[in-house]
Amino acid sequence: MITDIKRLHLGCGKNTLPGWMNLDKMPIDGVEIIADLDNCKTEKLPFPDNEIDEFYLYRST
């Protein structure tokens, strides 16, 4: 049984989720990680490979 699940909410905007690491390109209240998903091909996200257990992405542009 996994006890320390790491969940990443990508492109959260103002809709941050409790219990998730909230990532957005804008420094909005509740956003813990600031990164631009458009640059993922050239700049890795700040996590080691295989670090995240679950991802959530909804209507991110």
N, C-alpha and C. Protein backbone atom coordinates (compact mmCIF):
# COMPACT_ATOMS: atom_id res chain seq x y z
N MET A 1 0.84 -1.18 0.00
CA MET A 1 0.00 0.00 0.00
C MET A 1 0.89 1.25 0.00
N ILE A 2 0.59 2.18 -0.91
CA ILE A 2 1.34 3.42 -0.99
C ILE A 2 0.81 4.39 0.06
N THR A 3 1.70 4.92 0.89
CA THR A 3 1.26 5.84 1.94
C THR A 3 1.60 7.29 1.61
N ASP A 4 2.67 7.52 0.88
CA ASP A 4 3.08 8.88 0.54
C ASP A 4 2.91 9.12 -0.95
N ILE A 5 1.67 9.22 -1.40
CA ILE A 5 1.40 9.45 -2.81
C ILE A 5 1.70 10.91 -3.14
N LYS A 6 2.47 11.13 -4.19
CA LYS A 6 2.79 12.48 -4.64
C LYS A 6 1.91 12.81 -5.83
N ARG A 7 1.07 13.83 -5.64
CA ARG A 7 0.10 14.22 -6.66
C ARG A 7 0.45 15.61 -7.19
N LEU A 8 0.43 15.76 -8.51
CA LEU A 8 0.78 17.03 -9.13
C LEU A 8 -0.38 17.54 -9.96
N HIS A 9 -0.86 18.73 -9.62
CA HIS A 9 -1.94 19.39 -10.34
C HIS A 9 -1.31 20.38 -11.31
N LEU A 10 -1.32 20.05 -12.59
CA LEU A 10 -0.65 20.85 -13.62
C LEU A 10 -1.56 21.96 -14.13
N GLY A 11 -1.03 23.18 -14.24
CA GLY A 11 -1.79 24.30 -14.78
C GLY A 11 -2.99 24.64 -13.94
N CYS A 12 -2.83 24.70 -12.63
CA CYS A 12 -3.96 24.83 -11.71
C CYS A 12 -4.63 26.19 -11.75
N GLY A 13 -3.89 27.25 -12.06
CA GLY A 13 -4.48 28.59 -11.99
C GLY A 13 -4.96 28.87 -10.57
N LYS A 14 -6.15 29.45 -10.45
CA LYS A 14 -6.71 29.76 -9.12
C LYS A 14 -7.38 28.55 -8.47
N ASN A 15 -7.52 27.45 -9.21
CA ASN A 15 -8.22 26.25 -8.73
C ASN A 15 -7.24 25.26 -8.10
N THR A 16 -6.61 25.65 -7.01
CA THR A 16 -5.67 24.76 -6.34
C THR A 16 -6.41 23.65 -5.61
N LEU A 17 -5.77 22.51 -5.49
CA LEU A 17 -6.37 21.35 -4.83
C LEU A 17 -5.62 21.03 -3.55
N PRO A 18 -6.35 20.88 -2.43
CA PRO A 18 -5.69 20.47 -1.19
C PRO A 18 -5.12 19.05 -1.32
N GLY A 19 -3.95 18.83 -0.77
CA GLY A 19 -3.32 17.52 -0.84
C GLY A 19 -2.55 17.28 -2.12
N TRP A 20 -2.56 18.25 -3.02
CA TRP A 20 -1.84 18.16 -4.28
C TRP A 20 -0.76 19.23 -4.32
N MET A 21 0.32 18.98 -5.08
CA MET A 21 1.30 20.02 -5.38
C MET A 21 0.72 20.77 -6.58
N ASN A 22 0.44 22.04 -6.39
CA ASN A 22 -0.20 22.84 -7.43
C ASN A 22 0.85 23.60 -8.22
N LEU A 23 0.83 23.41 -9.55
CA LEU A 23 1.82 24.00 -10.44
C LEU A 23 1.12 24.92 -11.43
N ASP A 24 1.68 26.10 -11.62
CA ASP A 24 1.18 27.03 -12.63
C ASP A 24 2.33 27.93 -13.05
N LYS A 25 2.17 28.60 -14.19
CA LYS A 25 3.23 29.51 -14.63
C LYS A 25 3.10 30.88 -13.98
N MET A 26 1.99 31.14 -13.31
CA MET A 26 1.76 32.41 -12.63
C MET A 26 1.90 32.24 -11.12
N PRO A 27 2.52 33.20 -10.44
CA PRO A 27 2.66 33.12 -8.97
C PRO A 27 1.37 33.53 -8.26
N ILE A 28 0.41 32.63 -8.25
CA ILE A 28 -0.91 32.86 -7.66
C ILE A 28 -0.93 32.25 -6.27
N ASP A 29 -1.72 32.82 -5.35
CA ASP A 29 -1.86 32.24 -4.01
C ASP A 29 -2.23 30.76 -4.12
N GLY A 30 -1.54 29.93 -3.38
CA GLY A 30 -1.81 28.49 -3.37
C GLY A 30 -0.96 27.70 -4.34
N VAL A 31 -0.28 28.38 -5.26
CA VAL A 31 0.60 27.70 -6.22
C VAL A 31 1.96 27.51 -5.55
N GLU A 32 2.37 26.25 -5.40
CA GLU A 32 3.65 25.95 -4.76
C GLU A 32 4.81 25.90 -5.76
N ILE A 33 4.50 25.51 -7.01
CA ILE A 33 5.55 25.32 -8.01
C ILE A 33 5.23 26.19 -9.21
N ILE A 34 6.16 27.08 -9.55
CA ILE A 34 5.97 27.95 -10.70
C ILE A 34 6.83 27.41 -11.83
N ALA A 35 6.16 27.00 -12.91
CA ALA A 35 6.85 26.46 -14.09
C ALA A 35 5.92 26.61 -15.28
N ASP A 36 6.49 26.83 -16.45
CA ASP A 36 5.72 27.00 -17.67
C ASP A 36 5.70 25.68 -18.43
N LEU A 37 4.53 25.09 -18.57
CA LEU A 37 4.41 23.80 -19.25
C LEU A 37 4.79 23.88 -20.73
N ASP A 38 4.70 25.09 -21.32
CA ASP A 38 5.09 25.25 -22.72
C ASP A 38 6.58 25.02 -22.93
N ASN A 39 7.37 25.09 -21.87
CA ASN A 39 8.83 24.94 -21.99
C ASN A 39 9.33 23.56 -21.57
N CYS A 40 8.44 22.60 -21.38
CA CYS A 40 8.84 21.28 -20.87
C CYS A 40 9.83 20.54 -21.78
N LYS A 41 9.80 20.83 -23.06
CA LYS A 41 10.74 20.15 -23.96
C LYS A 41 12.17 20.61 -23.74
N THR A 42 12.35 21.85 -23.30
CA THR A 42 13.70 22.39 -23.11
C THR A 42 14.08 22.55 -21.65
N GLU A 43 13.09 22.68 -20.76
CA GLU A 43 13.35 22.84 -19.33
C GLU A 43 12.54 21.80 -18.56
N LYS A 44 13.23 20.89 -17.90
CA LYS A 44 12.53 19.85 -17.14
C LYS A 44 11.80 20.46 -15.97
N LEU A 45 10.71 19.82 -15.58
CA LEU A 45 10.02 20.22 -14.35
C LEU A 45 10.93 19.89 -13.17
N PRO A 46 10.75 20.57 -12.04
CA PRO A 46 11.69 20.42 -10.92
C PRO A 46 11.47 19.15 -10.09
N PHE A 47 11.43 18.00 -10.76
CA PHE A 47 11.24 16.72 -10.07
C PHE A 47 12.17 15.68 -10.68
N PRO A 48 12.67 14.76 -9.88
CA PRO A 48 13.41 13.63 -10.44
C PRO A 48 12.46 12.74 -11.26
N ASP A 49 13.01 11.98 -12.17
CA ASP A 49 12.20 11.03 -12.95
C ASP A 49 11.47 10.07 -12.01
N ASN A 50 10.26 9.71 -12.36
CA ASN A 50 9.42 8.76 -11.62
C ASN A 50 9.09 9.21 -10.20
N GLU A 51 9.08 10.50 -9.95
CA GLU A 51 8.82 11.04 -8.62
C GLU A 51 7.32 11.19 -8.33
N ILE A 52 6.52 11.46 -9.37
CA ILE A 52 5.10 11.77 -9.21
C ILE A 52 4.27 10.52 -9.45
N ASP A 53 3.30 10.29 -8.55
CA ASP A 53 2.43 9.12 -8.66
C ASP A 53 1.16 9.41 -9.46
N GLU A 54 0.62 10.62 -9.32
CA GLU A 54 -0.62 10.99 -10.01
C GLU A 54 -0.50 12.40 -10.56
N PHE A 55 -1.08 12.59 -11.75
CA PHE A 55 -1.14 13.91 -12.38
C PHE A 55 -2.59 14.29 -12.59
N TYR A 56 -2.88 15.59 -12.53
CA TYR A 56 -4.21 16.09 -12.86
C TYR A 56 -4.03 17.32 -13.73
N LEU A 57 -4.69 17.34 -14.88
CA LEU A 57 -4.65 18.46 -15.80
C LEU A 57 -6.05 18.62 -16.38
N TYR A 58 -6.62 19.81 -16.23
CA TYR A 58 -7.97 20.05 -16.72
C TYR A 58 -8.04 21.44 -17.32
N ARG A 59 -8.33 21.50 -18.59
CA ARG A 59 -8.53 22.76 -19.31
C ARG A 59 -7.39 23.76 -19.16
N SER A 60 -6.21 23.28 -19.24
CA SER A 60 -5.05 24.18 -19.19
C SER A 60 -4.70 24.57 -20.62
N THR A 61 -4.43 25.86 -20.82
CA THR A 61 -4.08 26.32 -22.18
C THR A 61 -2.70 26.90 -22.20
